[in-house]
Amino acid sequence: MKIENVFVILQKNFNKIKKLFFTTTILLFSICLFSQNKQDLEKYYSNVWKAEQYMSKKNYKKAAKYYETAFKNKEFAFFADYQNALLCCEKAGINNNFAKEKFIYTPDTTIINTLLDISSKKEMIEFSLKYGEYTDAQKELYLRQLDTFSIIVLKDLSQKANIFDERLIIFFGLDLYFSEYFSKSPQEQDYFLTLMLNAVRAGTLDVRNYIQTISLRNFNLPPNKDFNFNYFLDYLTIYKKFIKK
């Protein structure tokens, strides 16, 4: 083949080659980014686990060191770890700036107000049922309607905001809703568990809160094989198993 023919072929396919190169570059960058995120989160959980072991032995200085190392491997510290780190620093008499720098919390008023609205409606209906003249069947019907309303509102909210991001709302403000509203509905629980799992992988939700919710779900309902594991494993091991799926 003549050299000028090669140039003609390359010129004709230049856009295709450019597009392929661009796509490949983006793909490789995404893989590297995911791998880095995975590695950082594994280091985070590994050091937090060690910190808790030393904390239980009242070796607060060493525990604080492990918390400091853990926080270096993540954009922000989970609330439970942040509190433990502050306690360790106080007990050990050392500076806690490393912890304060990693506590990022900007409350999302939309999420918080929605949860408050659900709570107020729940209290109002329960008050009416308590002091009104209703049969047991009517009470059960009204409570089911309340559950349905709560689920619809939370589903709608989850499509507008990441309700499983500790920078927006501390999980302790959400666990009550899952324990009360989803104990009779495996489909609804599993819908939110999927969102929670994605948040764990993204590093916005603590894997320990995910474990807590699954434990509740499998205690109240027939276990789902997709959300089932040995609860006695440490959460670093559980996190790694989730990532490998």
Foldseek 3Di string as FASTA:
>chain_A
DDPVVVVVVCVVCVVVVVVVVVVVVVVVVVVVVLVLLLVLQLLLLVLQVVLVVVVVVVVLVVSLVSNLRSLVSDQADAPVSLVSNVVSCVSVVHDSVSSVNRHAADADVVVVVLLVVLVVVVVVLVVCVVPDDDDPVVNVVVVLVSLVVNLVSVVVVVVVDLPQAVNHPRCVSPPVNLLPRPLPPLVSLVVVLVSNLVCVSVVRHDLVVSLVSLVSNVVSDPHDPVSDDPSPDRSSVVSVVSVVD
